[in-house]
Amino acid sequence: QVQLVESGGGLVQAGGSLRLSCAASGRTFSSYCMGWFRQAPGKERELVAAITRYGGRTYYADSVKGRFTISRHNAKNTVSLQMNSLKPEDTAVYYCAADDSYGLALSEYDYWGQGTQVTVSS
């Protein structure tokens, strides 16, 4: 098992930047592919970005391509999401999640953090 704790959320103006971090503990971090999801009020949780065990492959939702960057540091057991050029529609609770294999579906992720709120004002 792995435990995940997100940090770095907050309030930012449109056009600004935030960096989310997720700290993992428990089983070997490099055993997991990692993803960042978000859920806005009244909407389903959606995958924003994902990264394979050693960072060789990444995925981005079309809505964040060119603005968000996912990265991981296996020696520090962390995965990060750098968010630039933020828009009001990026407002959501952001979740870090771990998957035993590289997947893009919510149901494939076995372990979840508690979430961190990101609010982008216009």
C-alpha atoms as a PDB file:
ATOM      1  CA  GLN A   1       0.000   0.000   0.000  1.00  0.00           C
ATOM      2  CA  VAL A   2       0.965   3.625  -0.381  1.00  0.00           C
ATOM      3  CA  GLN A   3      -0.251   6.726   1.440  1.00  0.00           C
ATOM      4  CA  LEU A   4      -0.520  10.006  -0.443  1.00  0.00           C
ATOM      5  CA  VAL A   5      -0.634  13.566   0.867  1.00  0.00           C
ATOM      6  CA  GLU A   6      -1.118  16.563  -1.433  1.00  0.00           C
ATOM      7  CA  SER A   7      -0.017  20.119  -0.765  1.00  0.00           C
ATOM      8  CA  GLY A   8       0.368  23.387  -2.612  1.00  0.00           C
ATOM      9  CA  GLY A   9      -3.194  24.341  -3.401  1.00  0.00           C
ATOM     10  CA  GLY A  10      -4.556  27.821  -2.856  1.00  0.00           C
ATOM     11  CA  LEU A  11      -6.104  30.915  -4.378  1.00  0.00           C
ATOM     12  CA  VAL A  12      -4.507  32.480  -7.430  1.00  0.00           C
ATOM     13  CA  GLN A  13      -5.539  35.009 -10.043  1.00  0.00           C
ATOM     14  CA  ALA A  14      -6.144  33.984 -13.625  1.00  0.00           C
ATOM     15  CA  GLY A  15      -2.861  33.777 -15.489  1.00  0.00           C
ATOM     16  CA  GLY A  16      -0.958  32.844 -12.367  1.00  0.00           C
ATOM     17  CA  SER A  17       0.843  29.670 -11.397  1.00  0.00           C
ATOM     18  CA  LEU A  18       0.726  27.053  -8.672  1.00  0.00           C
ATOM     19  CA  ARG A  19       2.791  23.974  -7.988  1.00  0.00           C
ATOM     20  CA  LEU A  20       1.097  20.992  -6.381  1.00  0.00           C
ATOM     21  CA  SER A  21       3.117  18.314  -4.640  1.00  0.00           C
ATOM     22  CA  CYS A  22       2.199  14.837  -3.505  1.00  0.00           C
ATOM     23  CA  ALA A  23       4.283  13.012  -0.926  1.00  0.00           C
ATOM     24  CA  ALA A  24       4.083   9.223  -0.858  1.00  0.00           C
ATOM     25  CA  SER A  25       4.902   6.798   1.907  1.00  0.00           C
ATOM     26  CA  GLY A  26       4.647   3.067   2.265  1.00  0.00           C
ATOM     27  CA  ARG A  27       5.463   0.698  -0.556  1.00  0.00           C
ATOM     28  CA  THR A  28       8.257   1.597  -2.991  1.00  0.00           C
ATOM     29  CA  PHE A  29       7.147   4.732  -4.800  1.00  0.00           C
ATOM     30  CA  SER A  30       8.673   3.706  -8.118  1.00  0.00           C
ATOM     31  CA  SER A  31       6.314   0.717  -8.161  1.00  0.00           C
ATOM     32  CA  TYR A  32       3.484   3.052  -9.087  1.00  0.00           C
ATOM     33  CA  CYS A  33       2.390   5.091 -12.018  1.00  0.00           C
ATOM     34  CA  MET A  34       0.992   8.360 -10.743  1.00  0.00           C
ATOM     35  CA  GLY A  35      -1.824  10.616 -11.777  1.00  0.00           C
ATOM     36  CA  TRP A  36      -3.315  13.960 -10.910  1.00  0.00           C
ATOM     37  CA  PHE A  37      -7.103  14.214 -11.051  1.00  0.00           C
ATOM     38  CA  ARG A  38      -9.431  17.090 -10.359  1.00  0.00           C
ATOM     39  CA  GLN A  39     -13.066  17.463  -9.457  1.00  0.00           C
ATOM     40  CA  ALA A  40     -15.011  20.679  -9.784  1.00  0.00           C
ATOM     41  CA  PRO A  41     -18.344  21.191  -7.991  1.00  0.00           C
ATOM     42  CA  GLY A  42     -21.108  19.287  -9.721  1.00  0.00           C
ATOM     43  CA  LYS A  43     -18.709  17.602 -12.133  1.00  0.00           C
ATOM     44  CA  GLU A  44     -17.133  14.187 -12.368  1.00  0.00           C
ATOM     45  CA  ARG A  45     -13.560  13.605 -11.318  1.00  0.00           C
ATOM     46  CA  GLU A  46     -11.277  13.763 -14.341  1.00  0.00           C
ATOM     47  CA  LEU A  47      -7.696  12.839 -15.108  1.00  0.00           C
ATOM     48  CA  VAL A  48      -5.507  15.878 -15.622  1.00  0.00           C
ATOM     49  CA  ALA A  49      -2.069  14.287 -16.035  1.00  0.00           C
ATOM     50  CA  ALA A  50      -0.330  10.959 -15.544  1.00  0.00           C
ATOM     51  CA  ILE A  51       3.248   9.723 -15.486  1.00  0.00           C
ATOM     52  CA  THR A  52       4.818   6.281 -15.695  1.00  0.00           C
ATOM     53  CA  ARG A  53       7.005   4.744 -12.996  1.00  0.00           C
ATOM     54  CA  TYR A  54      10.258   6.328 -14.124  1.00  0.00           C
ATOM     55  CA  GLY A  55       8.824   9.301 -15.955  1.00  0.00           C
ATOM     56  CA  GLY A  56       9.350   7.983 -19.450  1.00  0.00           C
ATOM     57  CA  ARG A  57       5.802   8.658 -20.557  1.00  0.00           C
ATOM     58  CA  THR A  58       3.330  11.329 -19.637  1.00  0.00           C
ATOM     59  CA  TYR A  59      -0.291  12.068 -20.438  1.00  0.00           C
ATOM     60  CA  TYR A  60      -2.165  15.357 -20.340  1.00  0.00           C
ATOM     61  CA  ALA A  61      -5.805  16.155 -20.773  1.00  0.00           C
ATOM     62  CA  ASP A  62      -6.389  18.404 -23.768  1.00  0.00           C
ATOM     63  CA  SER A  63      -7.650  21.156 -21.489  1.00  0.00           C
ATOM     64  CA  VAL A  64      -4.249  21.492 -19.759  1.00  0.00           C
ATOM     65  CA  LYS A  65      -1.753  20.641 -22.509  1.00  0.00           C
ATOM     66  CA  GLY A  66       0.947  23.264 -22.771  1.00  0.00           C
ATOM     67  CA  ARG A  67       0.048  24.746 -19.375  1.00  0.00           C
ATOM     68  CA  PHE A  68       0.552  21.919 -16.856  1.00  0.00           C
ATOM     69  CA  THR A  69       3.599  19.723 -16.334  1.00  0.00           C
ATOM     70  CA  ILE A  70       3.718  16.528 -14.298  1.00  0.00           C
ATOM     71  CA  SER A  71       7.018  15.300 -12.891  1.00  0.00           C
ATOM     72  CA  ARG A  72       8.232  12.872 -10.275  1.00  0.00           C
ATOM     73  CA  HIS A  73      11.275  12.435  -8.072  1.00  0.00           C
ATOM     74  CA  ASN A  74      11.466   8.787  -7.035  1.00  0.00           C
ATOM     75  CA  ALA A  75      14.327   9.320  -4.594  1.00  0.00           C
ATOM     76  CA  LYS A  76      12.174  11.837  -2.709  1.00  0.00           C
ATOM     77  CA  ASN A  77       8.908   9.895  -3.148  1.00  0.00           C
ATOM     78  CA  THR A  78       7.157  12.864  -4.656  1.00  0.00           C
ATOM     79  CA  VAL A  79       5.147  13.728  -7.733  1.00  0.00           C
ATOM     80  CA  SER A  80       4.410  17.306  -8.709  1.00  0.00           C
ATOM     81  CA  LEU A  81       2.066  19.213 -10.979  1.00  0.00           C
ATOM     82  CA  GLN A  82       3.289  22.592 -12.189  1.00  0.00           C
ATOM     83  CA  MET A  83       0.297  24.629 -13.296  1.00  0.00           C
ATOM     84  CA  ASN A  84       0.873  27.768 -15.353  1.00  0.00           C
ATOM     85  CA  SER A  85      -1.473  30.187 -17.108  1.00  0.00           C
ATOM     86  CA  LEU A  86      -4.257  29.153 -14.788  1.00  0.00           C
ATOM     87  CA  LYS A  87      -7.852  29.791 -15.787  1.00  0.00           C
ATOM     88  CA  PRO A  88     -11.010  30.057 -13.669  1.00  0.00           C
ATOM     89  CA  GLU A  89     -12.153  26.751 -15.162  1.00  0.00           C
ATOM     90  CA  ASP A  90      -9.154  25.080 -13.518  1.00  0.00           C
ATOM     91  CA  THR A  91     -10.827  25.646 -10.153  1.00  0.00           C
ATOM     92  CA  ALA A  92     -11.310  22.253  -8.510  1.00  0.00           C
ATOM     93  CA  VAL A  93     -10.107  19.926  -5.805  1.00  0.00           C
ATOM     94  CA  TYR A  94      -6.964  18.248  -7.101  1.00  0.00           C
ATOM     95  CA  TYR A  95      -6.152  14.679  -6.123  1.00  0.00           C
ATOM     96  CA  CYS A  96      -2.992  12.665  -6.381  1.00  0.00           C
ATOM     97  CA  ALA A  97      -3.474   8.955  -7.138  1.00  0.00           C
ATOM     98  CA  ALA A  98      -1.346   5.836  -7.586  1.00  0.00           C
ATOM     99  CA  ASP A  99      -1.836   2.939  -9.978  1.00  0.00           C
ATOM    100  CA  ASP A 100       0.016  -0.381 -10.186  1.00  0.00           C
ATOM    101  CA  SER A 101       0.055  -0.011 -13.946  1.00  0.00           C
ATOM    102  CA  TYR A 102      -0.153   2.870 -16.387  1.00  0.00           C
ATOM    103  CA  GLY A 103      -3.798   3.719 -16.735  1.00  0.00           C
ATOM    104  CA  LEU A 104      -5.956   6.657 -17.741  1.00  0.00           C
ATOM    105  CA  ALA A 105      -9.232   5.598 -16.168  1.00  0.00           C
ATOM    106  CA  LEU A 106     -10.258   6.709 -12.706  1.00  0.00           C
ATOM    107  CA  SER A 107     -11.232   3.152 -11.772  1.00  0.00           C
ATOM    108  CA  GLU A 108      -7.686   1.917 -12.375  1.00  0.00           C
ATOM    109  CA  TYR A 109      -6.192   4.006  -9.588  1.00  0.00           C
ATOM    110  CA  ASP A 110      -6.043   2.206  -6.281  1.00  0.00           C
ATOM    111  CA  TYR A 111      -4.743   4.814  -3.851  1.00  0.00           C
ATOM    112  CA  TRP A 112      -5.812   8.398  -3.388  1.00  0.00           C
ATOM    113  CA  GLY A 113      -4.790  11.439  -1.419  1.00  0.00           C
ATOM    114  CA  GLN A 114      -7.252  13.643   0.434  1.00  0.00           C
ATOM    115  CA  GLY A 115      -7.175  16.400  -2.182  1.00  0.00           C
ATOM    116  CA  THR A 116      -6.111  20.024  -2.222  1.00  0.00           C
ATOM    117  CA  GLN A 117      -8.274  22.967  -3.284  1.00  0.00           C
ATOM    118  CA  VAL A 118      -7.213  25.140  -6.191  1.00  0.00           C
ATOM    119  CA  THR A 119      -9.225  28.286  -6.799  1.00  0.00           C
ATOM    120  CA  VAL A 120      -8.534  30.563  -9.746  1.00  0.00           C
ATOM    121  CA  SER A 121     -10.179  33.969  -9.639  1.00  0.00           C
ATOM    122  CA  SER A 122     -11.018  35.951 -12.760  1.00  0.00           C
END
